[in-house]
N, C-alpha and C. Protein backbone atom coordinates (compact mmCIF):
# COMPACT_ATOMS: atom_id res chain seq x y z
N MET A 1 -58.84 44.80 -5.85
CA MET A 1 -59.12 45.90 -6.74
C MET A 1 -58.56 45.66 -8.14
N SER A 2 -57.43 44.97 -8.23
CA SER A 2 -56.86 44.68 -9.55
C SER A 2 -57.76 43.75 -10.35
N LEU A 3 -58.49 42.88 -9.67
CA LEU A 3 -59.43 41.99 -10.35
C LEU A 3 -60.54 42.80 -11.02
N VAL A 4 -61.02 43.83 -10.34
CA VAL A 4 -62.07 44.69 -10.89
C VAL A 4 -61.54 45.46 -12.10
N LYS A 5 -60.30 45.96 -12.01
CA LYS A 5 -59.70 46.68 -13.14
C LYS A 5 -59.53 45.76 -14.34
N THR A 6 -59.10 44.54 -14.09
CA THR A 6 -58.93 43.57 -15.18
C THR A 6 -60.27 43.27 -15.83
N TRP A 7 -61.30 43.10 -15.02
CA TRP A 7 -62.65 42.83 -15.52
C TRP A 7 -63.15 44.01 -16.35
N ALA A 8 -62.92 45.23 -15.87
CA ALA A 8 -63.37 46.42 -16.60
C ALA A 8 -62.64 46.55 -17.93
N ARG A 9 -61.34 46.28 -17.96
CA ARG A 9 -60.59 46.33 -19.22
C ARG A 9 -61.11 45.28 -20.21
N ALA A 10 -61.42 44.10 -19.69
CA ALA A 10 -61.95 43.04 -20.56
C ALA A 10 -63.31 43.43 -21.12
N LEU A 11 -64.15 44.08 -20.31
CA LEU A 11 -65.45 44.54 -20.81
C LEU A 11 -65.28 45.59 -21.90
N ARG A 12 -64.36 46.50 -21.68
CA ARG A 12 -64.12 47.54 -22.68
C ARG A 12 -63.59 46.92 -23.98
N ARG A 13 -62.66 45.99 -23.85
CA ARG A 13 -62.12 45.29 -25.03
C ARG A 13 -63.22 44.54 -25.76
N ASP A 14 -64.07 43.84 -25.00
CA ASP A 14 -65.15 43.07 -25.61
C ASP A 14 -66.18 43.98 -26.27
N ALA A 15 -66.45 45.15 -25.68
CA ALA A 15 -67.39 46.08 -26.30
C ALA A 15 -66.84 46.55 -27.65
N HIS A 16 -65.55 46.83 -27.70
CA HIS A 16 -64.94 47.23 -28.97
C HIS A 16 -64.94 46.05 -29.95
N ALA A 17 -64.66 44.86 -29.45
CA ALA A 17 -64.64 43.67 -30.31
C ALA A 17 -66.01 43.38 -30.91
N ILE A 18 -67.08 43.52 -30.13
CA ILE A 18 -68.41 43.25 -30.70
C ILE A 18 -68.80 44.34 -31.69
N PHE A 19 -68.32 45.56 -31.48
CA PHE A 19 -68.56 46.61 -32.48
C PHE A 19 -67.88 46.23 -33.79
N LEU A 20 -66.63 45.79 -33.71
CA LEU A 20 -65.91 45.38 -34.92
C LEU A 20 -66.58 44.16 -35.57
N ALA A 21 -67.01 43.22 -34.75
CA ALA A 21 -67.64 42.00 -35.27
C ALA A 21 -68.99 42.28 -35.91
N SER A 22 -69.63 43.36 -35.49
CA SER A 22 -70.96 43.67 -36.04
C SER A 22 -70.90 44.01 -37.53
N ARG A 23 -69.72 44.28 -38.04
CA ARG A 23 -69.58 44.61 -39.47
C ARG A 23 -69.08 43.42 -40.29
N ASP A 24 -68.92 42.27 -39.64
CA ASP A 24 -68.40 41.09 -40.32
C ASP A 24 -69.55 40.33 -41.01
N PRO A 25 -69.37 39.90 -42.26
CA PRO A 25 -70.44 39.18 -42.96
C PRO A 25 -70.73 37.80 -42.38
N ARG A 26 -69.85 37.25 -41.55
CA ARG A 26 -70.08 35.94 -40.94
C ARG A 26 -71.03 36.00 -39.76
N VAL A 27 -71.40 37.20 -39.33
CA VAL A 27 -72.30 37.38 -38.19
C VAL A 27 -73.71 37.58 -38.72
N PRO A 28 -74.71 36.84 -38.20
CA PRO A 28 -76.10 37.00 -38.66
C PRO A 28 -76.59 38.44 -38.44
N TRP A 29 -77.50 38.89 -39.29
CA TRP A 29 -77.94 40.29 -39.25
C TRP A 29 -78.60 40.66 -37.94
N ALA A 30 -79.38 39.74 -37.34
CA ALA A 30 -80.05 40.05 -36.07
C ALA A 30 -79.01 40.25 -34.96
N VAL A 31 -77.96 39.46 -34.98
CA VAL A 31 -76.89 39.60 -33.99
C VAL A 31 -76.13 40.90 -34.25
N LYS A 32 -75.98 41.28 -35.52
CA LYS A 32 -75.33 42.55 -35.85
C LYS A 32 -76.07 43.72 -35.23
N LEU A 33 -77.40 43.72 -35.35
CA LEU A 33 -78.20 44.80 -34.77
C LEU A 33 -78.04 44.86 -33.26
N LEU A 34 -78.12 43.68 -32.62
CA LEU A 34 -77.95 43.63 -31.17
C LEU A 34 -76.54 44.06 -30.77
N ALA A 35 -75.54 43.63 -31.53
CA ALA A 35 -74.15 43.99 -31.23
C ALA A 35 -73.95 45.50 -31.35
N LEU A 36 -74.50 46.11 -32.38
CA LEU A 36 -74.39 47.57 -32.53
C LEU A 36 -75.07 48.30 -31.39
N ALA A 37 -76.25 47.82 -30.98
CA ALA A 37 -76.96 48.46 -29.88
C ALA A 37 -76.18 48.34 -28.57
N VAL A 38 -75.69 47.16 -28.27
CA VAL A 38 -74.95 46.94 -27.02
C VAL A 38 -73.63 47.70 -27.02
N ALA A 39 -72.88 47.62 -28.12
CA ALA A 39 -71.60 48.33 -28.19
C ALA A 39 -71.81 49.84 -28.14
N GLY A 40 -72.82 50.31 -28.84
CA GLY A 40 -73.11 51.74 -28.81
C GLY A 40 -73.46 52.22 -27.42
N TYR A 41 -74.27 51.45 -26.71
CA TYR A 41 -74.64 51.83 -25.35
C TYR A 41 -73.45 51.72 -24.40
N ALA A 42 -72.66 50.67 -24.55
CA ALA A 42 -71.52 50.47 -23.66
C ALA A 42 -70.45 51.54 -23.86
N LEU A 43 -70.24 51.99 -25.09
CA LEU A 43 -69.20 52.97 -25.37
C LEU A 43 -69.70 54.41 -25.34
N SER A 44 -71.01 54.60 -25.20
CA SER A 44 -71.60 55.92 -25.21
C SER A 44 -71.45 56.60 -23.84
N PRO A 45 -71.23 57.90 -23.84
CA PRO A 45 -71.17 58.61 -22.55
C PRO A 45 -72.56 58.87 -21.96
N ILE A 46 -73.61 58.60 -22.72
CA ILE A 46 -74.97 58.82 -22.26
C ILE A 46 -75.53 57.52 -21.69
N ASP A 47 -76.06 57.57 -20.48
CA ASP A 47 -76.61 56.39 -19.82
C ASP A 47 -78.13 56.39 -19.87
N LEU A 48 -78.70 55.19 -19.82
CA LEU A 48 -80.15 55.04 -19.74
C LEU A 48 -80.65 55.63 -18.43
N ILE A 49 -79.94 55.33 -17.36
CA ILE A 49 -80.24 55.86 -16.04
C ILE A 49 -79.05 56.72 -15.63
N PRO A 50 -79.24 58.04 -15.44
CA PRO A 50 -78.11 58.90 -15.08
C PRO A 50 -77.41 58.44 -13.80
N ASP A 51 -76.09 58.59 -13.76
CA ASP A 51 -75.30 58.10 -12.63
C ASP A 51 -75.56 58.86 -11.33
N PHE A 52 -76.13 60.06 -11.40
CA PHE A 52 -76.36 60.80 -10.16
C PHE A 52 -77.56 60.29 -9.37
N ILE A 53 -78.36 59.39 -9.94
CA ILE A 53 -79.46 58.78 -9.20
C ILE A 53 -78.87 57.68 -8.33
N PRO A 54 -79.06 57.78 -7.01
CA PRO A 54 -78.44 56.80 -6.10
C PRO A 54 -78.82 55.36 -6.45
N VAL A 55 -77.89 54.48 -6.40
CA VAL A 55 -77.98 53.04 -6.63
C VAL A 55 -78.40 52.71 -8.06
N LEU A 56 -79.53 53.21 -8.51
CA LEU A 56 -80.02 52.89 -9.85
C LEU A 56 -79.11 53.45 -10.93
N GLY A 57 -78.42 54.56 -10.64
CA GLY A 57 -77.55 55.18 -11.63
C GLY A 57 -76.41 54.29 -12.08
N TYR A 58 -75.92 53.47 -11.16
CA TYR A 58 -74.81 52.58 -11.50
C TYR A 58 -75.29 51.17 -11.85
N LEU A 59 -76.58 50.92 -11.73
CA LEU A 59 -77.13 49.60 -12.03
C LEU A 59 -76.90 49.22 -13.49
N ASP A 60 -77.10 50.17 -14.40
CA ASP A 60 -76.90 49.84 -15.81
C ASP A 60 -75.43 49.56 -16.10
N ASP A 61 -74.52 50.28 -15.44
CA ASP A 61 -73.09 50.04 -15.67
C ASP A 61 -72.65 48.70 -15.10
N LEU A 62 -73.26 48.28 -14.02
CA LEU A 62 -72.84 47.05 -13.35
C LEU A 62 -73.60 45.81 -13.79
N MET A 63 -74.80 45.99 -14.35
CA MET A 63 -75.62 44.83 -14.70
C MET A 63 -75.99 44.78 -16.19
N ILE A 64 -76.58 45.84 -16.68
CA ILE A 64 -77.12 45.82 -18.05
C ILE A 64 -76.01 45.68 -19.09
N VAL A 65 -74.96 46.50 -18.96
CA VAL A 65 -73.88 46.46 -19.96
C VAL A 65 -73.18 45.10 -19.97
N PRO A 66 -72.72 44.57 -18.81
CA PRO A 66 -72.06 43.25 -18.86
C PRO A 66 -72.97 42.14 -19.38
N LEU A 67 -74.25 42.16 -19.00
CA LEU A 67 -75.17 41.12 -19.50
C LEU A 67 -75.39 41.24 -21.00
N GLY A 68 -75.49 42.47 -21.50
CA GLY A 68 -75.64 42.67 -22.95
C GLY A 68 -74.41 42.21 -23.71
N ILE A 69 -73.24 42.54 -23.19
CA ILE A 69 -71.99 42.11 -23.83
C ILE A 69 -71.89 40.59 -23.81
N TRP A 70 -72.21 39.99 -22.68
CA TRP A 70 -72.17 38.52 -22.57
C TRP A 70 -73.11 37.88 -23.59
N LEU A 71 -74.34 38.41 -23.71
CA LEU A 71 -75.31 37.84 -24.64
C LEU A 71 -74.80 37.91 -26.08
N VAL A 72 -74.27 39.05 -26.47
CA VAL A 72 -73.78 39.20 -27.85
C VAL A 72 -72.59 38.28 -28.09
N ILE A 73 -71.69 38.16 -27.11
CA ILE A 73 -70.54 37.27 -27.27
C ILE A 73 -71.00 35.83 -27.47
N GLU A 74 -72.04 35.43 -26.77
CA GLU A 74 -72.57 34.07 -26.92
C GLU A 74 -73.19 33.85 -28.30
N LEU A 75 -73.72 34.91 -28.91
CA LEU A 75 -74.38 34.77 -30.21
C LEU A 75 -73.43 34.87 -31.40
N ILE A 76 -72.29 35.51 -31.21
CA ILE A 76 -71.30 35.64 -32.29
C ILE A 76 -70.48 34.36 -32.36
N PRO A 77 -70.22 33.83 -33.56
CA PRO A 77 -69.39 32.62 -33.67
C PRO A 77 -68.03 32.81 -32.97
N LYS A 78 -67.56 31.76 -32.30
CA LYS A 78 -66.36 31.83 -31.48
C LYS A 78 -65.13 32.27 -32.26
N ASP A 79 -64.93 31.74 -33.46
CA ASP A 79 -63.74 32.11 -34.22
C ASP A 79 -63.76 33.59 -34.62
N VAL A 80 -64.94 34.10 -34.93
CA VAL A 80 -65.08 35.53 -35.27
C VAL A 80 -64.79 36.39 -34.04
N MET A 81 -65.33 35.98 -32.90
CA MET A 81 -65.13 36.75 -31.67
C MET A 81 -63.66 36.75 -31.27
N ASP A 82 -62.99 35.62 -31.39
CA ASP A 82 -61.56 35.55 -31.05
C ASP A 82 -60.74 36.48 -31.95
N GLU A 83 -61.08 36.51 -33.22
CA GLU A 83 -60.38 37.37 -34.18
C GLU A 83 -60.53 38.85 -33.80
N TYR A 84 -61.74 39.27 -33.46
CA TYR A 84 -61.97 40.67 -33.15
C TYR A 84 -61.55 41.04 -31.73
N ARG A 85 -61.48 40.09 -30.83
CA ARG A 85 -60.89 40.36 -29.51
C ARG A 85 -59.41 40.70 -29.66
N THR A 86 -58.73 39.96 -30.53
CA THR A 86 -57.31 40.24 -30.79
C THR A 86 -57.15 41.62 -31.41
N ALA A 87 -58.01 41.95 -32.37
CA ALA A 87 -57.94 43.27 -33.02
C ALA A 87 -58.22 44.39 -32.02
N ALA A 88 -59.17 44.17 -31.13
CA ALA A 88 -59.50 45.19 -30.12
C ALA A 88 -58.35 45.35 -29.12
N SER A 89 -57.69 44.26 -28.77
CA SER A 89 -56.54 44.34 -27.86
C SER A 89 -55.40 45.12 -28.48
N VAL A 90 -55.15 44.88 -29.77
CA VAL A 90 -54.09 45.60 -30.48
C VAL A 90 -54.44 47.09 -30.56
N ALA A 91 -55.70 47.40 -30.83
CA ALA A 91 -56.12 48.80 -30.92
C ALA A 91 -55.98 49.51 -29.58
N ALA A 92 -56.20 48.82 -28.49
CA ALA A 92 -56.09 49.43 -27.16
C ALA A 92 -54.65 49.73 -26.80
N GLN A 93 -53.69 49.08 -27.44
CA GLN A 93 -52.29 49.28 -27.12
C GLN A 93 -51.63 50.34 -27.99
N ARG A 94 -52.37 50.97 -28.87
CA ARG A 94 -51.80 52.01 -29.72
C ARG A 94 -51.41 53.22 -28.88
N PRO A 95 -50.37 53.92 -29.29
CA PRO A 95 -49.97 55.11 -28.53
C PRO A 95 -51.02 56.22 -28.65
N VAL A 96 -51.08 57.04 -27.63
CA VAL A 96 -52.02 58.15 -27.59
C VAL A 96 -51.24 59.44 -27.84
N SER A 97 -51.75 60.25 -28.73
CA SER A 97 -51.07 61.50 -29.07
C SER A 97 -51.70 62.65 -28.28
N LYS A 98 -50.92 63.21 -27.37
CA LYS A 98 -51.41 64.36 -26.60
C LYS A 98 -51.50 65.59 -27.48
N ALA A 99 -50.62 65.71 -28.46
CA ALA A 99 -50.66 66.85 -29.37
C ALA A 99 -51.96 66.84 -30.17
N ALA A 100 -52.37 65.67 -30.64
CA ALA A 100 -53.63 65.57 -31.38
C ALA A 100 -54.81 65.92 -30.49
N ALA A 101 -54.77 65.50 -29.23
CA ALA A 101 -55.85 65.83 -28.31
C ALA A 101 -55.93 67.34 -28.08
N ILE A 102 -54.79 67.99 -27.97
CA ILE A 102 -54.77 69.45 -27.79
C ILE A 102 -55.34 70.15 -29.01
N VAL A 103 -54.98 69.67 -30.21
CA VAL A 103 -55.50 70.27 -31.44
C VAL A 103 -57.02 70.11 -31.50
N ILE A 104 -57.52 68.94 -31.17
CA ILE A 104 -58.98 68.70 -31.21
C ILE A 104 -59.70 69.58 -30.21
N VAL A 105 -59.18 69.69 -29.00
CA VAL A 105 -59.81 70.55 -27.99
C VAL A 105 -59.78 72.01 -28.46
N ALA A 106 -58.67 72.44 -29.04
CA ALA A 106 -58.58 73.81 -29.55
C ALA A 106 -59.60 74.06 -30.66
N LEU A 107 -59.81 73.07 -31.53
CA LEU A 107 -60.81 73.21 -32.59
C LEU A 107 -62.22 73.33 -32.01
N TRP A 108 -62.54 72.53 -31.00
CA TRP A 108 -63.85 72.61 -30.35
C TRP A 108 -64.06 73.96 -29.69
N ILE A 109 -63.04 74.44 -29.00
CA ILE A 109 -63.15 75.75 -28.33
C ILE A 109 -63.31 76.85 -29.38
N SER A 110 -62.54 76.78 -30.45
CA SER A 110 -62.65 77.78 -31.53
C SER A 110 -64.03 77.74 -32.16
N GLY A 111 -64.54 76.55 -32.41
CA GLY A 111 -65.88 76.41 -32.99
C GLY A 111 -66.96 76.97 -32.08
N ALA A 112 -66.83 76.71 -30.78
CA ALA A 112 -67.80 77.25 -29.82
C ALA A 112 -67.72 78.76 -29.76
N ALA A 113 -66.52 79.31 -29.82
CA ALA A 113 -66.35 80.77 -29.81
C ALA A 113 -66.97 81.40 -31.06
N VAL A 114 -66.75 80.79 -32.22
CA VAL A 114 -67.33 81.32 -33.47
C VAL A 114 -68.85 81.26 -33.40
N LEU A 115 -69.40 80.14 -32.94
CA LEU A 115 -70.87 80.05 -32.82
C LEU A 115 -71.41 81.07 -31.83
N GLY A 116 -70.71 81.28 -30.73
CA GLY A 116 -71.13 82.29 -29.76
C GLY A 116 -71.10 83.68 -30.35
N TRP A 117 -70.06 83.99 -31.11
CA TRP A 117 -69.95 85.30 -31.76
C TRP A 117 -71.08 85.50 -32.77
N ILE A 118 -71.35 84.46 -33.56
CA ILE A 118 -72.44 84.55 -34.55
C ILE A 118 -73.77 84.76 -33.85
N ALA A 119 -74.01 84.03 -32.76
CA ALA A 119 -75.27 84.19 -32.02
C ALA A 119 -75.36 85.60 -31.43
N LEU A 120 -74.27 86.10 -30.91
CA LEU A 120 -74.26 87.45 -30.32
C LEU A 120 -74.58 88.50 -31.37
N VAL A 121 -73.94 88.40 -32.53
CA VAL A 121 -74.18 89.36 -33.61
C VAL A 121 -75.60 89.23 -34.15
N HIS A 122 -76.08 88.02 -34.28
CA HIS A 122 -77.41 87.80 -34.85
C HIS A 122 -78.54 88.27 -33.94
N TRP A 123 -78.45 88.01 -32.65
CA TRP A 123 -79.54 88.31 -31.73
C TRP A 123 -79.34 89.59 -30.92
N ARG A 124 -78.31 90.34 -31.22
CA ARG A 124 -78.11 91.60 -30.49
C ARG A 124 -79.20 92.58 -30.89
N VAL A 125 -79.76 93.22 -29.92
CA VAL A 125 -80.86 94.17 -30.17
C VAL A 125 -80.34 95.55 -30.42
């Protein structure tokens, strides 16, 4: 099981690294487009195939994302990829602020409450 966790962490690091590399001028523009698409899909909470569909739901997470990341890594120059892998590893080790998370959640809840109040006042008969 630890091997799977290590593999998943490496995929997440590489997805972040290819996102960072997609903005580097040393990367060809076609690879930049592919890198943005793969990183966006890998880091997005929205899946091509929803996870609640049996077997097929996890197919994109287990096959499409790793193959896309592998393809982009092969197309990005090695020295550039090594540089951004290091940057992604450093970014993953940054401390997480629970206070900031609470503030953000409170802002979202407040915003939803204000929008609900505005909708209630606007559409009340």
